Amino acid sequence: MHFVTGGAYNGKAKWIREQYRLTSAPHLWLSAYNNDKLPETLYHWSDNNIVIIEGIEQWIKAGAGSSEPEALLEEWTEILKVWLDWENMNPQRKLILAGTDITKGIVPTLESDRKWRDITGWVYQRIMGLADEADLVWYGVSLKLKEKGQRG
């Protein structure tokens, strides 16, 4: 699993397309920004060796209002395990998760926004622990945070 994070509108999607040569590679791109539904499993998309799931923070926000933080984190942990199982079933498969860094370290004034920010941070920590690669993209430039083989 490859985790790509960075600021909003900082070039994450473009960087992913270039990195994985998606103009010629068959892939599936699911985006919270396009109102795609969060997939609980990826097994019915087995024809696609590359799956990109973009807008993680938006799906977290959708659940943050109705769930307790611990329950939501546990739910995300289970989803991540299912997604990783899909990826690990075939060495040709690659799962790429893209999530925006929200608030850039600034504590929001609204309690609901603080809850969303906190849960997003916890989920991102879980993703980083499970990912075999991670990049931070700011203004179109990437910084490698985690390389294959590096432990989380």
Protein backbone atom coordinates (compact mmCIF):
# COMPACT_ATOMS: atom_id res chain seq x y z
CA MET A 1 0.00 0.00 0.00
CA HIS A 2 1.25 3.46 -0.90
CA PHE A 3 0.01 6.43 1.13
CA VAL A 4 0.18 9.86 -0.47
CA THR A 5 -0.63 12.91 1.62
CA GLY A 6 -0.14 16.65 1.43
CA GLY A 7 -2.08 19.87 1.23
CA ALA A 8 -5.35 20.38 -0.59
CA TYR A 9 -4.84 21.15 -4.29
CA ASN A 10 -1.09 20.57 -3.94
CA GLY A 11 -0.76 18.10 -6.80
CA LYS A 12 -1.27 14.70 -5.16
CA ALA A 13 -3.52 13.38 -7.93
CA LYS A 14 -1.24 14.61 -10.70
CA TRP A 15 1.79 13.15 -8.91
CA ILE A 16 0.06 9.76 -8.55
CA ARG A 17 -0.92 9.75 -12.24
CA GLU A 18 2.67 10.50 -13.27
CA GLN A 19 4.30 8.14 -10.76
CA TYR A 20 2.17 5.18 -11.80
CA ARG A 21 1.87 6.12 -15.50
CA LEU A 22 -1.91 5.94 -15.25
CA THR A 23 -2.51 7.23 -18.75
CA SER A 24 -1.53 3.79 -20.04
CA ALA A 25 -2.03 1.49 -17.03
CA PRO A 26 -5.49 0.05 -16.32
CA HIS A 27 -6.65 1.32 -12.97
CA LEU A 28 -9.63 2.22 -10.84
CA TRP A 29 -9.82 5.65 -9.22
CA LEU A 30 -12.37 6.10 -6.44
CA SER A 31 -12.74 9.58 -5.01
CA ALA A 32 -14.71 11.04 -2.13
CA TYR A 33 -14.49 14.33 -4.04
CA ASN A 34 -16.61 12.75 -6.80
CA ASN A 35 -19.08 11.34 -4.26
CA ASP A 36 -17.90 7.78 -4.85
CA LYS A 37 -18.94 5.37 -2.13
CA LEU A 38 -16.24 4.20 0.28
CA PRO A 39 -15.50 0.61 -0.74
CA GLU A 40 -15.50 -1.84 2.14
CA THR A 41 -13.88 -4.43 -0.10
CA LEU A 42 -11.98 -4.36 -3.38
CA TYR A 43 -12.58 -7.97 -4.47
CA HIS A 44 -15.17 -7.11 -7.13
CA TRP A 45 -12.57 -4.92 -8.86
CA SER A 46 -10.08 -7.72 -9.40
CA ASP A 47 -9.58 -6.76 -13.05
CA ASN A 48 -7.75 -3.61 -11.95
CA ASN A 49 -4.22 -4.10 -10.66
CA ILE A 50 -3.98 -0.50 -9.49
CA VAL A 51 -6.67 0.98 -7.24
CA ILE A 52 -6.48 4.57 -6.04
CA ILE A 53 -8.71 5.66 -3.18
CA GLU A 54 -8.66 9.44 -2.86
CA GLY A 55 -10.17 11.77 -0.29
CA ILE A 56 -9.75 9.59 2.80
CA GLU A 57 -10.31 12.63 5.04
CA GLN A 58 -13.74 13.24 3.48
CA TRP A 59 -14.96 9.71 4.22
CA ILE A 60 -13.64 10.09 7.76
CA LYS A 61 -15.54 13.37 8.10
CA ALA A 62 -18.74 11.67 6.96
CA GLY A 63 -18.39 9.12 9.79
CA ALA A 64 -17.03 11.48 12.44
CA GLY A 65 -20.38 13.09 13.16
CA SER A 66 -22.18 9.86 13.98
CA SER A 67 -19.49 7.64 15.49
CA GLU A 68 -17.35 7.65 18.56
CA PRO A 69 -13.68 8.20 17.70
CA GLU A 70 -12.55 4.77 18.96
CA ALA A 71 -15.29 3.00 17.01
CA LEU A 72 -14.50 4.92 13.83
CA LEU A 73 -10.78 4.16 14.16
CA GLU A 74 -11.58 0.47 14.64
CA GLU A 75 -13.86 0.53 11.59
CA TRP A 76 -11.08 2.08 9.49
CA THR A 77 -8.57 -0.45 10.80
CA GLU A 78 -10.80 -3.30 9.63
CA ILE A 79 -11.35 -1.70 6.21
CA LEU A 80 -7.60 -1.21 5.78
CA LYS A 81 -6.97 -4.88 6.61
CA VAL A 82 -9.50 -5.98 3.97
CA TRP A 83 -7.95 -3.67 1.39
CA LEU A 84 -4.46 -4.97 2.21
CA ASP A 85 -5.67 -8.56 1.87
CA TRP A 86 -6.87 -7.70 -1.64
CA GLU A 87 -3.51 -6.16 -2.50
CA ASN A 88 -1.53 -9.06 -1.03
CA MET A 89 -3.48 -11.72 -2.95
CA ASN A 90 -1.66 -10.80 -6.16
CA PRO A 91 1.87 -9.34 -6.40
CA GLN A 92 0.77 -7.30 -9.46
CA ARG A 93 -1.75 -5.33 -7.39
CA LYS A 94 -1.09 -1.91 -5.90
CA LEU A 95 -3.34 0.04 -3.56
CA ILE A 96 -2.74 3.79 -3.36
CA LEU A 97 -4.46 5.86 -0.69
CA ALA A 98 -4.52 9.65 -0.97
CA GLY A 99 -5.52 11.84 1.93
CA THR A 100 -5.27 15.57 2.47
CA ASP A 101 -3.48 17.06 5.45
CA ILE A 102 -6.30 18.98 7.07
CA THR A 103 -5.75 22.13 9.14
CA LYS A 104 -1.94 21.93 8.69
CA GLY A 105 -1.45 21.61 12.44
CA ILE A 106 -3.81 24.45 13.36
CA VAL A 107 -6.36 23.47 16.01
CA PRO A 108 -9.88 24.19 14.71
CA THR A 109 -12.21 26.25 16.90
CA LEU A 110 -15.29 24.09 16.29
CA GLU A 111 -15.45 20.90 18.36
CA SER A 112 -16.76 18.91 15.39
CA ASP A 113 -13.79 20.01 13.27
CA ARG A 114 -11.36 19.13 16.10
CA LYS A 115 -12.94 15.67 16.31
CA TRP A 116 -12.60 15.23 12.54
CA ARG A 117 -8.98 16.43 12.62
CA ASP A 118 -8.12 14.09 15.52
CA ILE A 119 -9.73 11.01 13.96
CA THR A 120 -8.13 11.77 10.60
CA GLY A 121 -4.72 11.98 12.28
CA TRP A 122 -5.26 8.66 14.04
CA VAL A 123 -6.39 6.96 10.82
CA TYR A 124 -3.41 8.41 8.94
CA GLN A 125 -1.09 7.04 11.63
CA ARG A 126 -2.68 3.62 11.15
CA ILE A 127 -2.29 3.91 7.37
CA MET A 128 1.38 4.91 7.75
CA GLY A 129 1.99 1.90 9.97
CA LEU A 130 0.50 -0.46 7.39
CA ALA A 131 1.82 1.22 4.23
CA ASP A 132 4.96 -0.04 2.56
CA GLU A 133 5.51 3.37 0.93
CA ALA A 134 4.49 6.94 1.75
CA ASP A 135 5.03 10.32 0.12
CA LEU A 136 4.23 13.86 1.10
CA VAL A 137 3.33 16.11 -1.84
CA TRP A 138 3.44 19.89 -1.42
CA TYR A 139 3.08 22.17 -4.43
CA GLY A 140 3.69 19.28 -6.81
CA VAL A 141 6.98 18.20 -5.20
CA SER A 142 7.17 14.91 -3.33
CA LEU A 143 9.12 14.03 -0.23
CA LYS A 144 9.58 10.30 0.47
CA LEU A 145 8.37 9.59 4.01
CA LYS A 146 8.60 5.82 3.91
CA GLU A 147 10.29 3.47 1.47
CA LYS A 148 9.59 -0.17 0.70
CA GLY A 149 11.11 -2.38 3.34
CA GLN A 150 11.06 0.32 6.00
CA ARG A 151 9.11 -0.69 9.10
CA GLY A 152 6.26 1.42 10.41
